[in-house]
Protein backbone atom coordinates (compact mmCIF):
# COMPACT_ATOMS: atom_id res chain seq x y z
CA UNK A 1 164.55 -68.90 -130.24
CA UNK A 2 161.81 -71.07 -128.93
CA UNK A 3 159.08 -69.81 -126.76
CA UNK A 4 156.19 -71.47 -124.95
CA UNK A 5 153.87 -69.20 -126.81
CA UNK A 6 154.69 -70.90 -130.07
CA UNK A 7 154.75 -74.47 -128.74
CA UNK A 8 152.13 -76.78 -130.17
CA UNK A 9 149.97 -79.03 -128.03
CA UNK A 10 149.82 -76.67 -125.07
CA UNK A 11 146.81 -74.53 -124.45
CA UNK A 12 147.13 -70.96 -123.51
CA UNK A 13 146.21 -70.13 -119.90
CA UNK A 14 143.63 -67.35 -119.82
CA UNK A 15 143.23 -65.28 -116.68
CA UNK A 16 139.74 -63.91 -116.15
CA UNK A 17 139.21 -60.48 -114.76
CA UNK A 18 136.78 -59.65 -111.97
CA UNK A 19 134.64 -57.54 -114.25
CA UNK A 20 134.03 -60.41 -116.62
CA UNK A 21 131.70 -62.17 -114.11
CA UNK A 22 129.31 -59.23 -113.97
CA UNK A 23 126.25 -59.53 -116.16
CA UNK A 24 125.67 -56.80 -118.60
CA UNK A 25 122.38 -54.95 -118.28
CA UNK A 26 119.98 -55.49 -121.08
CA UNK A 27 118.99 -52.39 -122.90
CA UNK A 28 115.31 -51.48 -122.83
CA UNK A 29 113.49 -52.21 -126.05
CA UNK A 30 112.68 -49.18 -128.11
CA UNK A 31 109.23 -47.91 -128.85
CA UNK A 32 109.42 -49.42 -132.31
CA UNK A 33 109.96 -52.90 -130.83
CA UNK A 34 107.01 -52.36 -128.50
CA UNK A 35 104.79 -51.38 -131.35
CA UNK A 36 105.86 -54.41 -133.35
CA UNK A 37 105.41 -56.82 -130.45
CA UNK A 38 102.17 -55.28 -129.21
CA UNK A 39 103.63 -54.22 -125.83
CA UNK A 40 102.86 -51.14 -123.72
CA UNK A 41 103.82 -47.98 -125.51
CA UNK A 42 104.64 -45.92 -122.36
CA UNK A 43 108.32 -45.16 -122.10
CA UNK A 44 108.31 -44.24 -118.39
CA UNK A 45 106.28 -44.60 -115.23
CA UNK A 46 105.30 -40.94 -115.28
CA UNK A 47 102.85 -41.59 -118.11
CA UNK A 48 100.90 -44.02 -115.91
CA UNK A 49 100.84 -41.56 -112.98
CA UNK A 50 99.01 -39.01 -115.07
CA UNK A 51 95.78 -40.90 -114.36
CA UNK A 52 96.44 -41.47 -110.62
CA UNK A 53 95.23 -39.38 -107.68
CA UNK A 54 97.29 -36.19 -107.24
CA UNK A 55 97.27 -36.68 -103.44
CA UNK A 56 98.89 -40.11 -103.89
CA UNK A 57 101.59 -38.57 -106.05
CA UNK A 58 102.28 -35.95 -103.41
CA UNK A 59 102.39 -38.54 -100.61
CA UNK A 60 104.97 -40.59 -102.54
CA UNK A 61 107.29 -37.62 -102.92
CA UNK A 62 106.78 -35.82 -99.59
CA UNK A 63 108.52 -36.51 -96.32
CA UNK A 64 106.65 -37.67 -93.16
CA UNK A 65 106.79 -34.12 -91.75
CA UNK A 66 105.30 -32.69 -94.94
CA UNK A 67 102.54 -35.32 -94.89
CA UNK A 68 101.61 -34.45 -91.28
CA UNK A 69 101.47 -30.78 -92.22
CA UNK A 70 99.25 -31.49 -95.22
CA UNK A 71 96.83 -33.64 -93.18
CA UNK A 72 96.68 -31.02 -90.44
CA UNK A 73 95.78 -28.32 -92.97
CA UNK A 74 93.11 -30.58 -94.43
CA UNK A 75 91.68 -31.24 -90.96
CA UNK A 76 91.55 -27.51 -90.19
CA UNK A 77 89.72 -26.85 -93.45
CA UNK A 78 87.07 -29.43 -92.51
CA UNK A 79 86.62 -27.85 -89.09
CA UNK A 80 86.26 -24.39 -90.67
CA UNK A 81 83.52 -25.70 -92.96
CA UNK A 82 81.64 -27.34 -90.07
CA UNK A 83 81.87 -24.28 -87.85
CA UNK A 84 80.80 -22.03 -90.72
CA UNK A 85 77.64 -24.12 -91.15
CA UNK A 86 76.92 -23.90 -87.44
CA UNK A 87 77.38 -20.14 -87.46
CA UNK A 88 74.52 -19.88 -89.99
CA UNK A 89 75.73 -16.79 -91.82
CA UNK A 90 76.82 -15.08 -88.60
CA UNK A 91 80.22 -13.51 -88.08
CA UNK A 92 82.81 -16.27 -88.06
CA UNK A 93 84.92 -16.48 -84.91
CA UNK A 94 88.48 -17.77 -85.36
CA UNK A 95 88.54 -18.95 -81.74
CA UNK A 96 85.97 -21.63 -82.52
CA UNK A 97 88.62 -23.63 -84.38
CA UNK A 98 90.91 -23.59 -81.38
CA UNK A 99 88.06 -24.54 -79.06
CA UNK A 100 87.06 -27.41 -81.33
CA UNK A 101 90.64 -28.72 -81.51
CA UNK A 102 90.99 -28.48 -77.75
CA UNK A 103 87.68 -30.31 -77.21
CA UNK A 104 88.64 -33.14 -79.57
CA UNK A 105 92.03 -33.51 -77.90
CA UNK A 106 90.61 -33.56 -74.35
CA UNK A 107 87.89 -36.01 -75.37
CA UNK A 108 90.49 -38.33 -76.86
CA UNK A 109 92.64 -38.15 -73.72
CA UNK A 110 89.66 -38.54 -71.37
CA UNK A 111 90.15 -35.12 -69.75
CA UNK A 112 87.16 -33.29 -71.21
CA UNK A 113 84.98 -31.47 -68.63
CA UNK A 114 81.51 -30.20 -69.53
CA UNK A 115 79.37 -28.26 -67.03
CA UNK A 116 75.76 -29.26 -67.72
CA UNK A 117 74.20 -29.43 -64.25
CA UNK A 118 72.61 -25.97 -64.52
CA UNK A 119 70.67 -26.99 -67.64
CA UNK A 120 68.61 -29.61 -65.76
CA UNK A 121 65.31 -28.69 -64.14
CA UNK A 122 62.85 -30.60 -61.90
CA UNK A 123 59.95 -32.55 -63.40
CA UNK A 124 56.23 -32.33 -62.78
CA UNK A 125 53.63 -35.09 -62.68
CA UNK A 126 51.99 -33.86 -65.88
CA UNK A 127 55.18 -34.69 -67.82
CA UNK A 128 54.71 -38.45 -67.39
CA UNK A 129 53.59 -40.66 -70.26
CA UNK A 130 52.76 -44.35 -69.77
CA UNK A 131 53.05 -47.10 -72.39
CA UNK A 132 51.69 -50.54 -71.49
CA UNK A 133 53.98 -53.55 -72.03
CA UNK A 134 53.03 -57.22 -71.88
CA UNK A 135 56.29 -59.14 -72.24
CA UNK A 136 58.16 -58.43 -69.01
CA UNK A 137 56.07 -60.34 -66.47
CA UNK A 138 58.65 -60.07 -63.66
CA UNK A 139 60.94 -57.35 -62.36
CA UNK A 140 63.30 -55.59 -64.75
CA UNK A 141 66.98 -56.09 -63.97
CA UNK A 142 68.97 -54.20 -66.62
CA UNK A 143 68.70 -51.64 -69.40
CA UNK A 144 71.04 -50.73 -72.27
CA UNK A 145 70.90 -47.85 -74.79
CA UNK A 146 72.71 -47.85 -78.13
CA UNK A 147 75.25 -45.06 -78.67
CA UNK A 148 73.30 -43.65 -81.64
CA UNK A 149 70.15 -43.36 -79.52
CA UNK A 150 68.04 -45.55 -81.82
CA UNK A 151 67.56 -48.73 -79.78
CA UNK A 152 66.88 -49.66 -76.18
CA UNK A 153 67.34 -53.16 -74.74
CA UNK A 154 65.78 -54.35 -71.48
CA UNK A 155 66.14 -57.56 -69.51
CA UNK A 156 64.04 -59.05 -66.73
CA UNK A 157 63.78 -61.97 -64.34
CA UNK A 158 61.40 -63.77 -66.70
CA UNK A 159 64.26 -64.61 -69.14
CA UNK A 160 63.23 -61.98 -71.70
CA UNK A 161 65.30 -59.43 -73.62
CA UNK A 162 63.20 -56.87 -75.48
CA UNK A 163 64.43 -54.50 -78.17
CA UNK A 164 62.67 -51.12 -78.32
CA UNK A 165 62.72 -48.44 -81.00
CA UNK A 166 63.21 -45.11 -79.23
CA UNK A 167 62.02 -43.03 -82.17
CA UNK A 168 59.17 -45.40 -82.98
CA UNK A 169 58.28 -45.76 -79.26
CA UNK A 170 57.39 -49.40 -79.70
CA UNK A 171 58.74 -52.90 -79.39
CA UNK A 172 60.86 -54.11 -82.33
CA UNK A 173 61.74 -57.64 -81.24
CA UNK A 174 62.51 -59.91 -78.33
CA UNK A 175 64.69 -62.82 -77.19
CA UNK A 176 63.40 -65.36 -74.67
CA UNK A 177 63.94 -68.91 -73.50
CA UNK A 178 61.18 -70.18 -75.79
CA UNK A 179 62.69 -68.84 -79.00
CA UNK A 180 66.27 -69.65 -77.97
CA UNK A 181 67.41 -72.41 -75.65
CA UNK A 182 70.60 -70.55 -74.69
CA UNK A 183 68.75 -68.22 -72.28
CA UNK A 184 68.76 -69.68 -68.76
CA UNK A 185 67.03 -67.86 -65.93
CA UNK A 186 66.95 -64.16 -65.17
CA UNK A 187 68.87 -61.68 -67.34
CA UNK A 188 71.66 -60.13 -65.24
CA UNK A 189 73.40 -57.74 -67.66
CA UNK A 190 73.24 -56.36 -71.21
CA UNK A 191 75.95 -54.48 -73.15
CA UNK A 192 76.23 -53.19 -76.73
CA UNK A 193 79.24 -52.02 -78.75
CA UNK A 194 79.67 -48.39 -79.77
CA UNK A 195 79.01 -49.20 -83.44
CA UNK A 196 75.96 -51.37 -82.53
CA UNK A 197 77.53 -54.43 -84.12
CA UNK A 198 77.43 -56.82 -81.16
CA UNK A 199 75.06 -57.31 -78.21
CA UNK A 200 76.27 -59.23 -75.16
CA UNK A 201 73.80 -60.82 -72.71
CA UNK A 202 74.39 -62.68 -69.44
CA UNK A 203 71.91 -64.67 -67.38
CA UNK A 204 71.87 -66.99 -64.39
CA UNK A 205 74.43 -69.25 -66.05
CA UNK A 206 78.19 -68.78 -66.36
CA UNK A 207 78.01 -68.23 -70.13
CA UNK A 208 77.97 -65.00 -72.16
CA UNK A 209 75.75 -64.89 -75.23
CA UNK A 210 76.59 -62.72 -78.25
CA UNK A 211 73.82 -61.51 -80.56
CA UNK A 212 73.39 -59.27 -83.57
CA UNK A 213 71.47 -56.26 -82.18
CA UNK A 214 69.92 -55.45 -85.56
CA UNK A 215 68.55 -58.87 -86.53
CA UNK A 216 68.66 -60.45 -83.02
CA UNK A 217 70.48 -63.43 -84.50
CA UNK A 218 72.55 -65.54 -82.13
CA UNK A 219 76.27 -65.42 -83.01
CA UNK A 220 78.41 -67.00 -80.31
CA UNK A 221 78.67 -68.23 -76.70
CA UNK A 222 81.67 -67.47 -74.49
CA UNK A 223 82.41 -70.10 -71.86
CA UNK A 224 85.01 -69.73 -69.12
CA UNK A 225 83.50 -68.30 -65.95
CA UNK A 226 82.84 -70.73 -63.13
CA UNK A 227 79.90 -68.87 -61.62
CA UNK A 228 77.13 -66.43 -62.51
CA UNK A 229 78.16 -63.42 -64.64
CA UNK A 230 77.17 -60.20 -62.85
CA UNK A 231 78.28 -57.48 -65.26
CA UNK A 232 79.26 -56.81 -68.88
CA UNK A 233 80.78 -53.76 -70.54
CA UNK A 234 82.40 -53.03 -73.90
CA UNK A 235 85.46 -50.87 -74.32
CA UNK A 236 84.39 -47.65 -76.01
CA UNK A 237 84.99 -47.64 -79.79
CA UNK A 238 86.38 -51.19 -79.66
CA UNK A 239 85.10 -54.76 -79.73
CA UNK A 240 86.76 -55.73 -76.46
CA UNK A 241 84.37 -57.16 -73.86
CA UNK A 242 85.00 -57.15 -70.10
CA UNK A 243 82.96 -59.48 -67.89
CA UNK A 244 82.64 -59.70 -64.09
CA UNK A 245 81.49 -62.77 -62.24
CA UNK A 246 80.73 -64.20 -58.83
CA UNK A 247 83.79 -66.43 -59.26
CA UNK A 248 85.81 -63.31 -58.19
CA UNK A 249 87.45 -62.87 -61.58
CA UNK A 250 87.31 -60.47 -64.52
CA UNK A 251 87.74 -61.83 -68.05
CA UNK A 252 88.67 -60.10 -71.29
CA UNK A 253 87.21 -61.24 -74.62
CA UNK A 254 87.84 -60.18 -78.22
CA UNK A 255 84.77 -60.19 -80.44
CA UNK A 256 86.75 -59.57 -83.62
CA UNK A 257 88.25 -63.04 -83.27
CA UNK A 258 85.44 -64.38 -81.01
CA UNK A 259 88.11 -65.56 -78.60
CA UNK A 260 89.12 -65.45 -74.95
CA UNK A 261 92.03 -63.12 -74.14
CA UNK A 262 92.92 -63.28 -70.43
CA UNK A 263 91.66 -63.46 -66.84
CA UNK A 264 92.25 -60.87 -64.11
CA UNK A 265 92.40 -62.00 -60.47
CA UNK A 266 92.50 -59.96 -57.29
CA UNK A 267 89.08 -59.56 -55.72
CA UNK A 268 88.40 -61.54 -52.54
CA UNK A 269 84.61 -61.62 -53.01
CA UNK A 270 82.14 -61.83 -55.91
CA UNK A 271 82.53 -58.92 -58.34
CA UNK A 272 79.26 -56.96 -58.34
CA UNK A 273 79.76 -54.18 -60.93
CA UNK A 274 82.04 -53.27 -63.85
CA UNK A 275 82.57 -50.28 -66.15
CA UNK A 276 85.04 -49.11 -68.83
CA UNK A 277 85.73 -46.23 -71.24
CA UNK A 278 88.21 -45.67 -74.10
CA UNK A 279 91.43 -46.67 -72.35
CA UNK A 280 92.38 -50.33 -72.14
CA UNK A 281 91.27 -50.43 -68.52
CA UNK A 282 88.33 -51.76 -66.53
CA UNK A 283 86.99 -50.71 -63.13
CA UNK A 284 85.17 -53.12 -60.81
CA UNK A 285 83.40 -53.13 -57.45
CA UNK A 286 84.28 -56.08 -55.25
CA UNK A 287 81.17 -56.36 -53.12
CA UNK A 288 82.00 -57.69 -49.66
CA UNK A 289 85.74 -57.08 -49.96
CA UNK A 290 84.87 -53.31 -49.93
CA UNK A 291 87.35 -52.43 -52.68
CA UNK A 292 87.26 -50.78 -56.07
CA UNK A 293 89.95 -51.94 -58.48
CA UNK A 294 91.16 -50.36 -61.71
CA UNK A 295 92.71 -53.00 -63.97
CA UNK A 296 95.54 -51.75 -66.19
CA UNK A 297 95.41 -54.53 -68.74
CA UNK A 298 98.43 -53.55 -70.84
CA UNK A 299 100.65 -52.90 -67.79
CA UNK A 300 99.31 -56.06 -66.08
CA UNK A 301 98.77 -54.17 -62.84
CA UNK A 302 95.87 -52.90 -60.74
CA UNK A 303 95.00 -49.96 -58.49
CA UNK A 304 93.15 -50.75 -55.26
CA UNK A 305 90.80 -48.28 -53.53
CA UNK A 306 89.41 -49.18 -50.11
CA UNK A 307 85.79 -48.11 -49.72
CA UNK A 308 83.60 -47.66 -46.64
CA UNK A 309 82.60 -50.71 -44.56
CA UNK A 310 79.93 -52.85 -46.13
CA UNK A 311 79.28 -54.30 -49.56
CA UNK A 312 80.46 -52.06 -52.42
CA UNK A 313 77.89 -52.94 -55.08
CA UNK A 314 78.00 -50.19 -57.73
CA UNK A 315 80.71 -48.24 -59.57
CA UNK A 316 80.54 -45.93 -62.60
CA UNK A 317 83.18 -43.83 -64.39
CA UNK A 318 82.64 -40.08 -64.78
CA UNK A 319 85.75 -39.80 -66.97
CA UNK A 320 89.12 -41.52 -67.19
CA UNK A 321 90.27 -39.92 -63.92
CA UNK A 322 87.14 -39.81 -61.70
CA UNK A 323 84.42 -42.28 -60.70
CA UNK A 324 81.57 -42.75 -58.21
CA UNK A 325 80.66 -45.77 -56.10
CA UNK A 326 77.67 -46.89 -54.03
CA UNK A 327 77.40 -49.44 -51.24
CA UNK A 328 74.79 -51.15 -49.10
CA UNK A 329 75.41 -48.75 -46.21
CA UNK A 330 73.77 -45.99 -48.25
CA UNK A 331 76.99 -44.04 -48.93
CA UNK A 332 77.91 -42.55 -52.31
CA UNK A 333 81.63 -41.82 -52.75
CA UNK A 334 83.38 -39.64 -55.34
CA UNK A 335 86.90 -40.80 -56.21
CA UNK A 336 89.99 -39.77 -58.14
CA UNK A 337 92.40 -42.28 -59.63
CA UNK A 338 95.26 -40.31 -58.05
CA UNK A 339 94.09 -40.79 -54.43
CA UNK A 340 93.32 -43.90 -52.43
CA UNK A 341 90.62 -42.22 -50.32
CA UNK A 342 87.34 -40.69 -51.52
CA UNK A 343 87.35 -37.02 -52.44
CA UNK A 344 83.80 -36.68 -51.12
CA UNK A 345 81.29 -38.96 -49.38
CA UNK A 346 77.50 -38.58 -49.13
CA UNK A 347 76.34 -40.75 -46.19
CA UNK A 348 72.83 -42.21 -46.22
CA UNK A 349 72.16 -40.68 -49.63
CA UNK A 350 68.66 -42.21 -49.87
CA UNK A 351 67.65 -42.02 -46.24
CA UNK A 352 67.04 -44.62 -43.54
CA UNK A 353 64.36 -47.27 -43.13
CA UNK A 354 63.92 -49.03 -39.78
CA UNK A 355 67.22 -47.57 -38.55
CA UNK A 356 69.04 -49.12 -41.52
CA UNK A 357 70.39 -47.05 -44.47
CA UNK A 358 68.84 -47.89 -47.82
CA UNK A 359 71.10 -49.65 -50.29
CA UNK A 360 72.46 -47.89 -53.37
CA UNK A 361 71.09 -50.22 -56.03
CA UNK A 362 72.21 -48.38 -59.18
CA UNK A 363 74.28 -45.47 -60.50
CA UNK A 364 74.39 -43.66 -63.85
CA UNK A 365 76.76 -40.95 -65.08
CA UNK A 366 76.91 -38.50 -67.98
CA UNK A 367 80.42 -38.93 -69.36
CA UNK A 368 82.85 -36.02 -68.94
CA UNK A 369 80.24 -33.98 -67.04
CA UNK A 370 79.33 -32.89 -63.51
CA UNK A 371 76.05 -34.86 -63.21
CA UNK A 372 75.25 -38.37 -62.03
CA UNK A 373 72.13 -40.18 -60.80
CA UNK A 374 71.58 -42.71 -58.03
CA UNK A 375 68.75 -45.13 -57.33
CA UNK A 376 67.51 -47.11 -54.36
CA UNK A 377 64.07 -48.25 -53.12
CA UNK A 378 62.93 -45.04 -51.37
CA UNK A 379 60.65 -44.03 -54.25
CA UNK A 380 63.07 -41.54 -55.85
CA UNK A 381 65.82 -41.34 -58.44
CA UNK A 382 68.15 -38.62 -57.19
CA UNK A 383 70.31 -36.43 -59.43
CA UNK A 384 73.55 -34.99 -58.04
CA UNK A 385 75.84 -32.15 -59.03
CA UNK A 386 79.64 -32.25 -58.64
CA UNK A 387 81.22 -28.91 -57.76
CA UNK A 388 84.27 -27.30 -56.10
CA UNK A 389 86.75 -29.21 -58.28
CA UNK A 390 85.37 -32.63 -57.33
CA UNK A 391 85.45 -31.79 -53.62
CA UNK A 392 81.72 -31.51 -53.07
CA UNK A 393 78.51 -33.25 -54.17
CA UNK A 394 75.19 -31.40 -53.98
CA UNK A 395 71.66 -32.76 -54.58
CA UNK A 396 69.82 -31.30 -57.59
CA UNK A 397 66.32 -32.83 -57.57
CA UNK A 398 64.61 -36.22 -57.55
CA UNK A 399 62.28 -38.15 -59.87
CA UNK A 400 59.43 -40.04 -58.21
CA UNK A 401 59.35 -43.78 -58.94
CA UNK A 402 57.84 -46.81 -57.23
CA UNK A 403 59.96 -49.88 -56.60
CA UNK A 404 63.61 -50.86 -56.80
CA UNK A 405 65.79 -48.94 -59.24
CA UNK A 406 67.78 -51.92 -60.48
CA UNK A 407 69.68 -50.27 -63.33
CA UNK A 408 70.02 -46.89 -65.06
CA UNK A 409 71.76 -45.43 -68.09
CA UNK A 410 71.94 -41.95 -69.61
CA UNK A 411 71.76 -41.45 -73.36
CA UNK A 412 74.97 -40.18 -74.96
CA UNK A 413 73.59 -36.66 -75.29
CA UNK A 414 72.39 -36.65 -71.68
CA UNK A 415 68.82 -35.78 -72.66
CA UNK A 416 67.31 -39.04 -71.53
CA UNK A 417 67.71 -41.24 -68.47
CA UNK A 418 66.45 -44.82 -68.72
CA UNK A 419 65.87 -46.78 -65.53
CA UNK A 420 64.81 -50.39 -64.94
CA UNK A 421 62.32 -50.42 -62.06
CA UNK A 422 61.23 -53.64 -60.39
CA UNK A 423 59.23 -54.88 -57.45
CA UNK A 424 62.30 -56.70 -56.17
CA UNK A 425 66.03 -56.21 -56.02
CA UNK A 426 67.79 -57.52 -59.12
CA UNK A 427 69.92 -59.96 -57.07
CA UNK A 428 67.26 -61.39 -54.75
CA UNK A 429 63.85 -61.17 -53.14
CA UNK A 430 64.63 -59.78 -49.69
CA UNK A 431 61.86 -57.16 -50.01
CA UNK A 432 58.96 -56.57 -52.32
CA UNK A 433 57.43 -53.21 -53.16
CA UNK A 434 53.99 -52.52 -54.58
CA UNK A 435 55.31 -50.42 -57.46
CA UNK A 436 54.95 -51.58 -61.03
CA UNK A 437 57.84 -52.39 -63.35
CA UNK A 438 58.65 -49.55 -65.72
CA UNK A 439 61.26 -47.75 -67.78
CA UNK A 440 61.74 -44.01 -67.52
CA UNK A 441 63.05 -41.69 -70.23
CA UNK A 442 64.00 -38.28 -68.86
CA UNK A 443 64.46 -34.95 -70.70
CA UNK A 444 66.31 -32.00 -69.18
CA UNK A 445 63.56 -29.70 -70.46
CA UNK A 446 61.08 -31.04 -67.89
CA UNK A 447 59.48 -33.72 -70.06
CA UNK A 448 59.28 -37.48 -69.65
CA UNK A 449 59.88 -39.08 -73.02
CA UNK A 450 58.32 -42.43 -72.24
CA UNK A 451 57.51 -44.81 -69.44
CA UNK A 452 57.11 -48.45 -70.46
CA UNK A 453 55.03 -50.20 -67.84
CA UNK A 454 54.32 -53.89 -67.34
CA UNK A 455 50.74 -54.89 -66.53
CA UNK A 456 49.78 -56.11 -63.08
CA UNK A 457 47.25 -58.93 -62.99
CA UNK A 458 44.40 -57.96 -60.73
CA UNK A 459 43.59 -60.37 -57.94
CA UNK A 460 40.00 -59.74 -56.86
CA UNK A 461 38.72 -60.47 -53.37
CA UNK A 462 36.04 -59.67 -50.87
CA UNK A 463 37.09 -56.71 -48.77
CA UNK A 464 34.43 -57.13 -46.11
CA UNK A 465 35.32 -60.76 -45.39
CA UNK A 466 39.00 -59.87 -45.03
CA UNK A 467 38.21 -56.93 -42.76
CA UNK A 468 36.06 -59.08 -40.52
CA UNK A 469 38.48 -62.02 -40.34
CA UNK A 470 41.69 -60.03 -39.86
CA UNK A 471 40.19 -57.00 -38.12
CA UNK A 472 41.73 -54.45 -40.51
CA UNK A 473 40.93 -50.82 -39.88
CA UNK A 474 41.02 -49.60 -43.49
CA UNK A 475 41.16 -50.87 -47.07
CA UNK A 476 44.79 -49.71 -47.29
CA UNK A 477 45.79 -52.03 -44.43
CA UNK A 478 43.95 -54.88 -46.11
CA UNK A 479 45.72 -54.23 -49.42
CA UNK A 480 49.14 -54.17 -47.75
CA UNK A 481 48.46 -57.47 -46.01
CA UNK A 482 47.33 -59.12 -49.27
CA UNK A 483 50.39 -57.81 -51.12
CA UNK A 484 52.72 -59.28 -48.52
CA UNK A 485 50.87 -62.58 -48.66
CA UNK A 486 51.08 -62.72 -52.46
CA UNK A 487 54.79 -61.84 -52.36
CA UNK A 488 55.46 -64.84 -50.09
CA UNK A 489 53.99 -67.31 -52.60
CA UNK A 490 56.22 -68.43 -55.47
CA UNK A 491 53.21 -69.82 -57.33
CA UNK A 492 51.66 -66.39 -57.75
CA UNK A 493 54.90 -65.00 -59.19
CA UNK A 494 55.08 -67.80 -61.73
CA UNK A 495 51.53 -66.97 -62.79
CA UNK A 496 52.31 -63.27 -63.02
CA UNK A 497 50.18 -62.25 -59.99
CA UNK A 498 52.14 -59.87 -57.80
CA UNK A 499 49.96 -57.22 -56.19
CA UNK A 500 46.35 -56.43 -55.43
CA UNK A 501 45.24 -53.27 -57.26
């Protein structure tokens, strides 16, 4: 019987199974092979992990919930150690941990409230200390304090930026138009990052200059505004810069990439003031459009608050939910982000001169507190207390100064208040006062830390000849007339001669 199986010349058809295509796993070489070939002698990964960090081993094996629990316990242990050191061998209170956690949480959310108004007391004339300065020849326009309280930066109309050492109480360096050609005209604003890594400066041009605050080395120039930059502010704990300009726009810059981010439009007049805190938001005062706007950058929206009639020139944040504003009609308004109208208004906060309210030229706030300061040209810096759940503003006391309070800033701890005082308003020369340019450092324990004063060049004259020619009654009348005459001459200001002393 013949069969195809036994036929010659025909190949047998082989059917492959599905499992035949799978590759067989190679067996791991034994320790003997490794020893012969000079390879690693460890037979598992656990041998290598013996030398690794035990916390890394735990994090690899634990779930996300277990990791959060472990980090929370570690955080509580650190707080217990810090509070135990503060107690200084006193009885340890378990409530201090809860208070510390609550404070950190509220500070992060921008809802922390600290009552410090009662710790401030009025000053006396004997608490004043003067330090003579020779670099700022013209009126000071802005002041900026580093978050660590080590450095102070001041700008003036003579195109100078001076760096001061607060602890050393002396000048550490300066930037001017002679040493750097990028400075053009008067300095309008100065801002520094929270970590003191970048310093931003604006002048009478449309450019923003970036410097290293430690070495005062020039790093970059931001171009984009079409008119003079009026205000600069950094987002707290970030390297995001917000700039306001007379071109009615607000621009956002990133200093990590040294790049432009976006432009915010909405104001119908030049933007006069800007401020920001931790949130990705900026608040601006629109000058003649009488509005305050909060820019929600992530949401690409804005909140509009209509202020009193007049030019709304100043705005400062108390916290993420409250802010104060000042205008040229002398009114100071306290606001909440939840209401379109002011919670409280102080009309004619700095009095009246010739039947016209004095302008609010500057504001300064202590973050998350119930204290803020206001400045004008009435010879006083006034401190105010917020009470009755933001429904009332009461005056505390005033600090005597001479001239225009062009800019102010509190130190982070609230123990010092620095103010830039000038003979003229920072934005123009409508009036001129006889006061000298100075910086004021204020302590809540009734002591002035330092006053940095610019020299006034003495212009000598013959009193009797002036009295006979102009028929002045007293030397004081003669001095006032000469001061007004000097203020009307641009040549004297270029030479540094401003008043007769």
